[in-house]
PDB file of all heavy atoms in Angstrom:
ATOM      1  N   SER A   1     333.656  51.297 132.728  1.00  0.00           N
ATOM      2  CA  SER A   1     334.335  52.608 132.585  1.00  0.00           C
ATOM      3  C   SER A   1     333.438  53.647 132.174  1.00  0.00           C
ATOM      4  O   SER A   1     333.474  54.785 132.778  1.00  0.00           O
ATOM      5  CB  SER A   1     335.539  52.484 131.629  1.00  0.00           C
ATOM      6  OG  SER A   1     336.480  51.563 132.046  1.00  0.00           O
ATOM      7  N   ALA A   2     332.440  53.445 131.263  1.00  0.00           N
ATOM      8  CA  ALA A   2     331.498  54.429 130.818  1.00  0.00           C
ATOM      9  C   ALA A   2     330.564  54.780 131.936  1.00  0.00           C
ATOM     10  O   ALA A   2     330.109  55.992 132.028  1.00  0.00           O
ATOM     11  CB  ALA A   2     330.593  53.936 129.673  1.00  0.00           C
ATOM     12  N   SER A   3     330.314  53.861 132.852  1.00  0.00           N
ATOM     13  CA  SER A   3     329.437  54.127 134.102  1.00  0.00           C
ATOM     14  C   SER A   3     329.936  55.154 134.966  1.00  0.00           C
ATOM     15  O   SER A   3     329.233  55.862 135.656  1.00  0.00           O
ATOM     16  CB  SER A   3     329.169  52.815 134.862  1.00  0.00           C
ATOM     17  OG  SER A   3     330.227  52.415 135.697  1.00  0.00           O
ATOM     18  N   ALA A   4     331.271  55.277 135.002  1.00  0.00           N
ATOM     19  CA  ALA A   4     331.914  56.277 135.817  1.00  0.00           C
ATOM     20  C   ALA A   4     332.079  57.613 135.021  1.00  0.00           C
ATOM     21  O   ALA A   4     331.666  58.651 135.444  1.00  0.00           O
ATOM     22  CB  ALA A   4     333.309  55.874 136.431  1.00  0.00           C
ATOM     23  N   PHE A   5     332.664  57.649 133.819  1.00  0.00           N
ATOM     24  CA  PHE A   5     333.058  58.808 133.195  1.00  0.00           C
ATOM     25  C   PHE A   5     331.804  59.514 132.655  1.00  0.00           C
ATOM     26  O   PHE A   5     331.710  60.629 132.842  1.00  0.00           O
ATOM     27  CB  PHE A   5     334.014  58.429 131.956  1.00  0.00           C
ATOM     28  CG  PHE A   5     334.289  59.678 131.067  1.00  0.00           C
ATOM     29  CD1 PHE A   5     334.909  60.683 131.544  1.00  0.00           C
ATOM     30  CD2 PHE A   5     333.913  59.692 129.784  1.00  0.00           C
ATOM     31  CE1 PHE A   5     335.161  61.729 130.810  1.00  0.00           C
ATOM     32  CE2 PHE A   5     334.268  60.763 128.944  1.00  0.00           C
ATOM     33  CZ  PHE A   5     334.879  61.821 129.515  1.00  0.00           C
ATOM     34  N   LEU A   6     330.901  58.848 132.066  1.00  0.00           N
ATOM     35  CA  LEU A   6     329.703  59.503 131.406  1.00  0.00           C
ATOM     36  C   LEU A   6     328.761  60.147 132.339  1.00  0.00           C
ATOM     37  O   LEU A   6     327.858  60.835 131.899  1.00  0.00           O
ATOM     38  CB  LEU A   6     329.067  58.558 130.415  1.00  0.00           C
ATOM     39  CG  LEU A   6     329.851  58.047 129.139  1.00  0.00           C
ATOM     40  CD1 LEU A   6     329.118  57.144 128.374  1.00  0.00           C
ATOM     41  CD2 LEU A   6     330.330  59.269 128.339  1.00  0.00           C
ATOM     42  N   VAL A   7     328.991  59.783 133.665  1.00  0.00           N
ATOM     43  CA  VAL A   7     328.031  60.461 134.672  1.00  0.00           C
ATOM     44  C   VAL A   7     328.898  61.304 135.590  1.00  0.00           C
ATOM     45  O   VAL A   7     328.469  61.909 136.622  1.00  0.00           O
ATOM     46  CB  VAL A   7     327.250  59.435 135.463  1.00  0.00           C
ATOM     47  CG1 VAL A   7     326.272  58.661 134.617  1.00  0.00           C
ATOM     48  CG2 VAL A   7     328.074  58.580 136.282  1.00  0.00           C
ATOM     49  N   SER A   8     330.056  61.437 135.306  1.00  0.00           N
ATOM     50  CA  SER A   8     331.027  62.322 136.172  1.00  0.00           C
ATOM     51  C   SER A   8     330.934  63.778 135.813  1.00  0.00           C
ATOM     52  O   SER A   8     330.337  64.185 134.835  1.00  0.00           O
ATOM     53  CB  SER A   8     332.528  61.872 135.950  1.00  0.00           C
ATOM     54  OG  SER A   8     332.987  62.370 134.665  1.00  0.00           O
ATOM     55  N   PRO A   9     331.583  64.654 136.558  1.00  0.00           N
ATOM     56  CA  PRO A   9     331.447  66.058 136.305  1.00  0.00           C
ATOM     57  C   PRO A   9     332.558  66.374 135.369  1.00  0.00           C
ATOM     58  O   PRO A   9     332.837  67.706 135.121  1.00  0.00           O
ATOM     59  CB  PRO A   9     331.652  66.727 137.774  1.00  0.00           C
ATOM     60  CG  PRO A   9     332.408  65.738 138.478  1.00  0.00           C
ATOM     61  CD  PRO A   9     331.991  64.375 138.031  1.00  0.00           C
ATOM     62  N   PHE A  10     333.410  65.501 134.845  1.00  0.00           N
ATOM     63  CA  PHE A  10     334.583  65.735 134.084  1.00  0.00           C
ATOM     64  C   PHE A  10     334.311  65.623 132.585  1.00  0.00           C
ATOM     65  O   PHE A  10     333.668  64.649 132.083  1.00  0.00           O
ATOM     66  CB  PHE A  10     335.747  64.890 134.373  1.00  0.00           C
ATOM     67  CG  PHE A  10     336.055  64.780 135.891  1.00  0.00           C
ATOM     68  CD1 PHE A  10     336.416  63.602 136.345  1.00  0.00           C
ATOM     69  CD2 PHE A  10     335.861  65.854 136.727  1.00  0.00           C
ATOM     70  CE1 PHE A  10     336.695  63.445 137.762  1.00  0.00           C
ATOM     71  CE2 PHE A  10     336.187  65.759 138.124  1.00  0.00           C
ATOM     72  CZ  PHE A  10     336.507  64.536 138.592  1.00  0.00           C
ATOM     73  N   ASP A  11     334.620  66.710 131.781  1.00  0.00           N
ATOM     74  CA  ASP A  11     334.566  66.522 130.372  1.00  0.00           C
ATOM     75  C   ASP A  11     335.721  65.723 129.689  1.00  0.00           C
ATOM     76  O   ASP A  11     335.577  65.137 128.671  1.00  0.00           O
ATOM     77  CB  ASP A  11     334.639  67.916 129.652  1.00  0.00           C
ATOM     78  CG  ASP A  11     333.434  68.837 129.970  1.00  0.00           C
ATOM     79  OD1 ASP A  11     332.406  68.328 130.111  1.00  0.00           O
ATOM     80  OD2 ASP A  11     333.610  70.106 130.089  1.00  0.00           O
ATOM     81  N   GLU A  12     336.750  65.687 130.497  1.00  0.00           N
ATOM     82  CA  GLU A  12     337.930  64.921 130.043  1.00  0.00           C
ATOM     83  C   GLU A  12     338.594  64.284 131.267  1.00  0.00           C
ATOM     84  O   GLU A  12     338.755  64.933 132.317  1.00  0.00           O
ATOM     85  CB  GLU A  12     338.910  65.702 129.238  1.00  0.00           C
ATOM     86  CG  GLU A  12     340.010  64.823 128.701  1.00  0.00           C
ATOM     87  CD  GLU A  12     340.965  65.723 127.793  1.00  0.00           C
ATOM     88  OE1 GLU A  12     340.992  66.964 127.908  1.00  0.00           O
ATOM     89  OE2 GLU A  12     341.542  65.188 126.911  1.00  0.00           O
ATOM     90  N   ALA A  13     338.970  62.953 131.240  1.00  0.00           N
ATOM     91  CA  ALA A  13     339.573  62.373 132.417  1.00  0.00           C
ATOM     92  C   ALA A  13     340.290  61.085 131.940  1.00  0.00           C
ATOM     93  O   ALA A  13     339.979  60.433 130.975  1.00  0.00           O
ATOM     94  CB  ALA A  13     338.461  62.035 133.442  1.00  0.00           C
ATOM     95  N   ALA A  14     341.239  60.736 132.776  1.00  0.00           N
ATOM     96  CA  ALA A  14     341.819  59.301 132.624  1.00  0.00           C
ATOM     97  C   ALA A  14     340.819  58.397 133.344  1.00  0.00           C
ATOM     98  O   ALA A  14     340.156  58.564 134.210  1.00  0.00           O
ATOM     99  CB  ALA A  14     343.124  59.269 133.381  1.00  0.00           C
ATOM    100  N   LEU A  15     340.878  57.065 132.727  1.00  0.00           N
ATOM    101  CA  LEU A  15     339.851  56.067 133.093  1.00  0.00           C
ATOM    102  C   LEU A  15     340.665  54.904 133.591  1.00  0.00           C
ATOM    103  O   LEU A  15     341.638  54.420 132.958  1.00  0.00           O
ATOM    104  CB  LEU A  15     338.946  55.735 131.913  1.00  0.00           C
ATOM    105  CG  LEU A  15     338.340  56.899 131.141  1.00  0.00           C
ATOM    106  CD1 LEU A  15     337.345  56.302 130.054  1.00  0.00           C
ATOM    107  CD2 LEU A  15     337.491  57.672 132.084  1.00  0.00           C
ATOM    108  N   LEU A  16     340.250  54.333 134.731  1.00  0.00           N
ATOM    109  CA  LEU A  16     340.873  53.088 135.185  1.00  0.00           C
ATOM    110  C   LEU A  16     339.773  52.080 135.744  1.00  0.00           C
ATOM    111  O   LEU A  16     338.931  52.620 136.677  1.00  0.00           O
ATOM    112  CB  LEU A  16     341.747  53.483 136.425  1.00  0.00           C
ATOM    113  CG  LEU A  16     342.522  52.352 137.048  1.00  0.00           C
ATOM    114  CD1 LEU A  16     343.358  51.511 136.163  1.00  0.00           C
ATOM    115  CD2 LEU A  16     343.397  52.830 138.227  1.00  0.00           C
ATOM    116  N   CYS A  17     339.651  50.990 135.152  1.00  0.00           N
ATOM    117  CA  CYS A  17     338.685  50.041 135.638  1.00  0.00           C
ATOM    118  C   CYS A  17     339.439  48.738 136.147  1.00  0.00           C
ATOM    119  O   CYS A  17     340.210  48.157 135.402  1.00  0.00           O
ATOM    120  CB  CYS A  17     337.772  49.634 134.426  1.00  0.00           C
ATOM    121  SG  CYS A  17     336.591  48.355 134.936  1.00  0.00           S
ATOM    122  N   ILE A  18     339.215  48.322 137.339  1.00  0.00           N
ATOM    123  CA  ILE A  18     339.906  47.183 137.946  1.00  0.00           C
ATOM    124  C   ILE A  18     338.768  46.296 138.557  1.00  0.00           C
ATOM    125  O   ILE A  18     338.011  46.736 139.388  1.00  0.00           O
ATOM    126  CB  ILE A  18     340.867  47.638 139.115  1.00  0.00           C
ATOM    127  CG1 ILE A  18     341.739  48.742 138.684  1.00  0.00           C
ATOM    128  CG2 ILE A  18     341.732  46.480 139.429  1.00  0.00           C
ATOM    129  CD1 ILE A  18     342.644  49.403 139.697  1.00  0.00           C
ATOM    130  N   ASP A  19     338.763  45.030 137.977  1.00  0.00           N
ATOM    131  CA  ASP A  19     337.766  44.140 138.358  1.00  0.00           C
ATOM    132  C   ASP A  19     338.206  42.801 138.597  1.00  0.00           C
ATOM    133  O   ASP A  19     339.441  42.522 138.308  1.00  0.00           O
ATOM    134  CB  ASP A  19     336.653  44.260 137.349  1.00  0.00           C
ATOM    135  CG  ASP A  19     335.286  43.987 137.915  1.00  0.00           C
ATOM    136  OD1 ASP A  19     335.188  43.527 139.151  1.00  0.00           O
ATOM    137  OD2 ASP A  19     334.233  44.044 137.228  1.00  0.00           O
ATOM    138  N   TYR A  20     337.357  41.864 138.939  1.00  0.00           N
ATOM    139  CA  TYR A  20     337.718  40.475 138.907  1.00  0.00           C
ATOM    140  C   TYR A  20     337.956  40.075 137.421  1.00  0.00           C
ATOM    141  O   TYR A  20     339.218  39.649 137.135  1.00  0.00           O
ATOM    142  CB  TYR A  20     336.540  39.732 139.358  1.00  0.00           C
ATOM    143  CG  TYR A  20     336.790  38.206 139.761  1.00  0.00           C
ATOM    144  CD1 TYR A  20     337.046  37.821 141.008  1.00  0.00           C
ATOM    145  CD2 TYR A  20     336.678  37.276 138.765  1.00  0.00           C
ATOM    146  CE1 TYR A  20     337.205  36.526 141.377  1.00  0.00           C
ATOM    147  CE2 TYR A  20     336.889  35.963 139.034  1.00  0.00           C
ATOM    148  CZ  TYR A  20     337.212  35.473 140.312  1.00  0.00           C
ATOM    149  OH  TYR A  20     337.381  34.215 140.641  1.00  0.00           O
ATOM    150  N   VAL A  21     337.120  40.113 136.492  1.00  0.00           N
ATOM    151  CA  VAL A  21     337.303  39.898 135.137  1.00  0.00           C
ATOM    152  C   VAL A  21     336.027  40.404 134.326  1.00  0.00           C
ATOM    153  O   VAL A  21     334.972  40.157 134.910  1.00  0.00           O
ATOM    154  CB  VAL A  21     337.625  38.433 134.885  1.00  0.00           C
ATOM    155  CG1 VAL A  21     336.451  37.410 135.109  1.00  0.00           C
ATOM    156  CG2 VAL A  21     338.100  38.212 133.354  1.00  0.00           C
ATOM    157  N   GLY A  22     336.201  40.909 133.155  1.00  0.00           N
ATOM    158  CA  GLY A  22     335.122  41.132 132.242  1.00  0.00           C
ATOM    159  C   GLY A  22     335.002  39.946 131.387  1.00  0.00           C
ATOM    160  O   GLY A  22     334.976  38.811 131.891  1.00  0.00           O
ATOM    161  N   GLU A  23     334.843  40.205 130.038  1.00  0.00           N
ATOM    162  CA  GLU A  23     334.901  38.986 129.217  1.00  0.00           C
ATOM    163  C   GLU A  23     336.310  38.261 129.230  1.00  0.00           C
ATOM    164  O   GLU A  23     336.422  37.065 129.447  1.00  0.00           O
ATOM    165  CB  GLU A  23     334.763  39.362 127.749  1.00  0.00           C
ATOM    166  CG  GLU A  23     333.260  39.514 127.361  1.00  0.00           C
ATOM    167  CD  GLU A  23     332.792  40.956 127.618  1.00  0.00           C
ATOM    168  OE1 GLU A  23     333.588  41.749 128.169  1.00  0.00           O
ATOM    169  OE2 GLU A  23     331.614  41.233 127.254  1.00  0.00           O
ATOM    170  N   HIS A  24     337.351  39.114 129.256  1.00  0.00           N
ATOM    171  CA  HIS A  24     338.706  38.553 129.565  1.00  0.00           C
ATOM    172  C   HIS A  24     339.636  39.726 130.190  1.00  0.00           C
ATOM    173  O   HIS A  24     340.685  39.266 130.635  1.00  0.00           O
ATOM    174  CB  HIS A  24     339.310  38.144 128.198  1.00  0.00           C
ATOM    175  CG  HIS A  24     339.298  39.209 127.126  1.00  0.00           C
ATOM    176  ND1 HIS A  24     338.270  39.300 126.295  1.00  0.00           N
ATOM    177  CD2 HIS A  24     340.274  40.054 126.769  1.00  0.00           C
ATOM    178  CE1 HIS A  24     338.585  40.334 125.534  1.00  0.00           C
ATOM    179  NE2 HIS A  24     339.688  40.790 125.686  1.00  0.00           N
ATOM    180  N   THR A  25     339.241  40.848 130.239  1.00  0.00           N
ATOM    181  CA  THR A  25     340.041  42.012 130.764  1.00  0.00           C
ATOM    182  C   THR A  25     339.749  42.149 132.323  1.00  0.00           C
ATOM    183  O   THR A  25     338.592  42.153 132.740  1.00  0.00           O
ATOM    184  CB  THR A  25     339.570  43.357 130.107  1.00  0.00           C
ATOM    185  OG1 THR A  25     339.734  43.122 128.628  1.00  0.00           O
ATOM    186  CG2 THR A  25     340.458  44.444 130.555  1.00  0.00           C
ATOM    187  N   ALA A  26     340.887  42.267 133.030  1.00  0.00           N
ATOM    188  CA  ALA A  26     340.872  42.509 134.467  1.00  0.00           C
ATOM    189  C   ALA A  26     341.170  43.905 134.965  1.00  0.00           C
ATOM    190  O   ALA A  26     340.534  44.433 135.764  1.00  0.00           O
ATOM    191  CB  ALA A  26     341.807  41.500 135.196  1.00  0.00           C
ATOM    192  N   THR A  27     342.086  44.532 134.185  1.00  0.00           N
ATOM    193  CA  THR A  27     342.370  45.904 134.387  1.00  0.00           C
ATOM    194  C   THR A  27     342.391  46.655 133.008  1.00  0.00           C
ATOM    195  O   THR A  27     343.029  46.226 131.981  1.00  0.00           O
ATOM    196  CB  THR A  27     343.752  46.114 134.964  1.00  0.00           C
ATOM    197  OG1 THR A  27     343.739  45.473 136.284  1.00  0.00           O
ATOM    198  CG2 THR A  27     344.145  47.484 135.120  1.00  0.00           C
ATOM    199  N   TRP A  28     341.653  47.828 132.917  1.00  0.00           N
ATOM    200  CA  TRP A  28     341.498  48.576 131.742  1.00  0.00           C
ATOM    201  C   TRP A  28     341.851  50.019 131.974  1.00  0.00           C
ATOM    202  O   TRP A  28     341.355  50.585 132.969  1.00  0.00           O
ATOM    203  CB  TRP A  28     340.029  48.386 131.221  1.00  0.00           C
ATOM    204  CG  TRP A  28     339.695  48.834 129.822  1.00  0.00           C
ATOM    205  CD1 TRP A  28     339.523  48.167 128.686  1.00  0.00           C
ATOM    206  CD2 TRP A  28     339.261  50.236 129.576  1.00  0.00           C
ATOM    207  NE1 TRP A  28     339.127  48.994 127.646  1.00  0.00           N
ATOM    208  CE2 TRP A  28     338.959  50.244 128.141  1.00  0.00           C
ATOM    209  CE3 TRP A  28     339.173  51.448 130.271  1.00  0.00           C
ATOM    210  CZ2 TRP A  28     338.576  51.443 127.395  1.00  0.00           C
ATOM    211  CZ3 TRP A  28     338.892  52.677 129.552  1.00  0.00           C
ATOM    212  CH2 TRP A  28     338.499  52.564 128.197  1.00  0.00           C
ATOM    213  N   MET A  29     342.783  50.452 131.181  1.00  0.00           N
ATOM    214  CA  MET A  29     343.068  51.987 131.359  1.00  0.00           C
ATOM    215  C   MET A  29     342.851  52.660 130.010  1.00  0.00           C
ATOM    216  O   MET A  29     343.173  52.252 128.977  1.00  0.00           O
ATOM    217  CB  MET A  29     344.665  52.030 131.684  1.00  0.00           C
ATOM    218  CG  MET A  29     344.926  51.415 133.011  1.00  0.00           C
ATOM    219  SD  MET A  29     346.519  51.927 133.789  1.00  0.00           S
ATOM    220  CE  MET A  29     347.716  51.598 132.421  1.00  0.00           C
ATOM    221  N   GLY A  30     342.369  53.830 130.179  1.00  0.00           N
ATOM    222  CA  GLY A  30     341.962  54.608 128.948  1.00  0.00           C
ATOM    223  C   GLY A  30     341.826  56.122 129.183  1.00  0.00           C
ATOM    224  O   GLY A  30     342.189  56.618 130.221  1.00  0.00           O
ATOM    225  N   ARG A  31     341.289  56.770 128.267  1.00  0.00           N
ATOM    226  CA  ARG A  31     340.980  58.259 128.299  1.00  0.00           C
ATOM    227  C   ARG A  31     339.550  58.432 127.889  1.00  0.00           C
ATOM    228  O   ARG A  31     339.079  57.877 126.919  1.00  0.00           O
ATOM    229  CB  ARG A  31     341.978  58.880 127.420  1.00  0.00           C
ATOM    230  CG  ARG A  31     341.956  60.336 127.346  1.00  0.00           C
ATOM    231  CD  ARG A  31     342.861  60.933 126.240  1.00  0.00           C
ATOM    232  NE  ARG A  31     343.035  62.399 126.370  1.00  0.00           N
ATOM    233  CZ  ARG A  31     344.245  63.026 126.640  1.00  0.00           C
ATOM    234  NH1 ARG A  31     345.279  62.322 126.631  1.00  0.00           N
ATOM    235  NH2 ARG A  31     344.293  64.243 126.831  1.00  0.00           N
ATOM    236  N   GLY A  32     338.874  59.382 128.619  1.00  0.00           N
ATOM    237  CA  GLY A  32     337.590  59.804 128.252  1.00  0.00           C
ATOM    238  C   GLY A  32     337.599  61.132 127.760  1.00  0.00           C
ATOM    239  O   GLY A  32     338.204  62.067 128.469  1.00  0.00           O
ATOM    240  N   GLN A  33     336.911  61.528 126.594  1.00  0.00           N
ATOM    241  CA  GLN A  33     336.813  62.896 126.268  1.00  0.00           C
ATOM    242  C   GLN A  33     335.423  62.994 125.615  1.00  0.00           C
ATOM    243  O   GLN A  33     335.068  62.348 124.753  1.00  0.00           O
ATOM    244  CB  GLN A  33     337.852  63.187 125.249  1.00  0.00           C
ATOM    245  CG  GLN A  33     337.978  64.674 124.795  1.00  0.00           C
ATOM    246  CD  GLN A  33     339.283  64.972 124.032  1.00  0.00           C
ATOM    247  OE1 GLN A  33     339.777  63.968 123.385  1.00  0.00           O
ATOM    248  NE2 GLN A  33     339.846  66.121 124.073  1.00  0.00           N
ATOM    249  N   GLY A  34     334.671  64.069 126.133  1.00  0.00           N
ATOM    250  CA  GLY A  34     333.281  64.238 125.675  1.00  0.00           C
ATOM    251  C   GLY A  34     332.368  62.956 125.906  1.00  0.00           C
ATOM    252  O   GLY A  34     332.192  62.569 127.124  1.00  0.00           O
ATOM    253  N   THR A  35     332.066  62.325 124.833  1.00  0.00           N
ATOM    254  CA  THR A  35     331.254  61.097 124.989  1.00  0.00           C
ATOM    255  C   THR A  35     332.132  59.856 124.381  1.00  0.00           C
ATOM    256  O   THR A  35     331.471  58.860 124.289  1.00  0.00           O
ATOM    257  CB  THR A  35     330.018  61.086 124.186  1.00  0.00           C
ATOM    258  OG1 THR A  35     330.240  61.358 122.678  1.00  0.00           O
ATOM    259  CG2 THR A  35     329.054  62.277 124.760  1.00  0.00           C
ATOM    260  N   ARG A  36     333.414  60.073 124.242  1.00  0.00           N
ATOM    261  CA  ARG A  36     334.175  59.009 123.642  1.00  0.00           C
ATOM    262  C   ARG A  36     335.112  58.483 124.728  1.00  0.00           C
ATOM    263  O   ARG A  36     335.623  59.213 125.517  1.00  0.00           O
ATOM    264  CB  ARG A  36     335.119  59.566 122.424  1.00  0.00           C
ATOM    265  CG  ARG A  36     334.321  60.030 121.281  1.00  0.00           C
ATOM    266  CD  ARG A  36     335.306  60.504 120.148  1.00  0.00           C
ATOM    267  NE  ARG A  36     336.142  59.482 119.698  1.00  0.00           N
ATOM    268  CZ  ARG A  36     337.479  59.426 119.881  1.00  0.00           C
ATOM    269  NH1 ARG A  36     338.064  60.339 120.689  1.00  0.00           N
ATOM    270  NH2 ARG A  36     338.194  58.404 119.455  1.00  0.00           N
ATOM    271  N   LEU A  37     335.278  57.086 124.659  1.00  0.00           N
ATOM    272  CA  LEU A  37     336.220  56.365 125.550  1.00  0.00           C
ATOM    273  C   LEU A  37     337.218  55.691 124.701  1.00  0.00           C
ATOM    274  O   LEU A  37     336.875  54.934 123.743  1.00  0.00           O
ATOM    275  CB  LEU A  37     335.520  55.309 126.444  1.00  0.00           C
ATOM    276  CG  LEU A  37     334.733  55.930 127.594  1.00  0.00           C
ATOM    277  CD1 LEU A  37     333.426  56.591 127.238  1.00  0.00           C
ATOM    278  CD2 LEU A  37     334.367  54.755 128.596  1.00  0.00           C
ATOM    279  N   GLN A  38     338.408  55.902 125.041  1.00  0.00           N
ATOM    280  CA  GLN A  38     339.525  55.354 124.180  1.00  0.00           C
ATOM    281  C   GLN A  38     340.498  54.466 125.099  1.00  0.00           C
ATOM    282  O   GLN A  38     340.901  54.894 126.178  1.00  0.00           O
ATOM    283  CB  GLN A  38     340.471  56.496 123.609  1.00  0.00           C
ATOM    284  CG  GLN A  38     341.647  56.018 122.903  1.00  0.00           C
ATOM    285  CD  GLN A  38     342.667  57.185 122.440  1.00  0.00           C
ATOM    286  OE1 GLN A  38     342.280  58.336 122.867  1.00  0.00           O
ATOM    287  NE2 GLN A  38     343.720  56.837 121.826  1.00  0.00           N
ATOM    288  N   LEU A  39     340.653  53.262 124.614  1.00  0.00           N
ATOM    289  CA  LEU A  39     341.545  52.298 125.392  1.00  0.00           C
ATOM    290  C   LEU A  39     342.996  52.716 125.207  1.00  0.00           C
ATOM    291  O   LEU A  39     343.440  52.994 124.120  1.00  0.00           O
ATOM    292  CB  LEU A  39     341.353  50.863 124.845  1.00  0.00           C
ATOM    293  CG  LEU A  39     342.221  49.800 125.222  1.00  0.00           C
ATOM    294  CD1 LEU A  39     342.168  49.512 126.715  1.00  0.00           C
ATOM    295  CD2 LEU A  39     342.180  48.513 124.518  1.00  0.00           C
ATOM    296  N   ILE A  40     343.781  52.647 126.215  1.00  0.00           N
ATOM    297  CA  ILE A  40     345.174  52.975 126.245  1.00  0.00           C
ATOM    298  C   ILE A  40     345.909  51.602 126.367  1.00  0.00           C
ATOM    299  O   ILE A  40     346.799  51.327 125.604  1.00  0.00           O
ATOM    300  CB  ILE A  40     345.601  53.979 127.263  1.00  0.00           C
ATOM    301  CG1 ILE A  40     344.999  55.247 126.885  1.00  0.00           C
ATOM    302  CG2 ILE A  40     347.184  53.987 127.467  1.00  0.00           C
ATOM    303  CD1 ILE A  40     345.303  56.413 127.988  1.00  0.00           C
ATOM    304  N   SER A  41     345.625  50.682 127.429  1.00  0.00           N
ATOM    305  CA  SER A  41     346.246  49.527 127.625  1.00  0.00           C
ATOM    306  C   SER A  41     345.329  48.625 128.581  1.00  0.00           C
ATOM    307  O   SER A  41     344.446  49.230 129.286  1.00  0.00           O
ATOM    308  CB  SER A  41     347.565  49.618 128.222  1.00  0.00           C
ATOM    309  OG  SER A  41     347.667  50.565 129.401  1.00  0.00           O
ATOM    310  N   ALA A  42     345.509  47.406 128.644  1.00  0.00           N
ATOM    311  CA  ALA A  42     344.845  46.588 129.513  1.00  0.00           C
ATOM    312  C   ALA A  42     345.738  45.358 129.893  1.00  0.00           C
ATOM    313  O   ALA A  42     346.649  44.988 129.297  1.00  0.00           O
ATOM    314  CB  ALA A  42     343.619  46.110 128.677  1.00  0.00           C
ATOM    315  N   ARG A  43     345.218  44.803 131.003  1.00  0.00           N
ATOM    316  CA  ARG A  43     345.730  43.499 131.557  1.00  0.00           C
ATOM    317  C   ARG A  43     344.634  42.448 131.632  1.00  0.00           C
ATOM    318  O   ARG A  43     343.632  42.694 132.224  1.00  0.00           O
ATOM    319  CB  ARG A  43     346.551  43.748 132.964  1.00  0.00           C
ATOM    320  CG  ARG A  43     347.461  42.638 133.305  1.00  0.00           C
ATOM    321  CD  ARG A  43     348.733  42.831 132.557  1.00  0.00           C
ATOM    322  NE  ARG A  43     349.719  41.916 133.052  1.00  0.00           N
ATOM    323  CZ  ARG A  43     350.023  40.801 132.312  1.00  0.00           C
ATOM    324  NH1 ARG A  43     349.398  40.517 131.241  1.00  0.00           N
ATOM    325  NH2 ARG A  43     351.000  40.005 132.785  1.00  0.00           N
TER     326      ARG A  43
END
């Protein structure tokens, strides 16, 4: 999620990461603001 938000042109954005699997997370939803990423919910 950081790879998208921290190089994007947006200072603030909703974040959505959908993958096969990370450590255990397959879908991650959050909010990015400045240099901070905040988890909202996950599957």
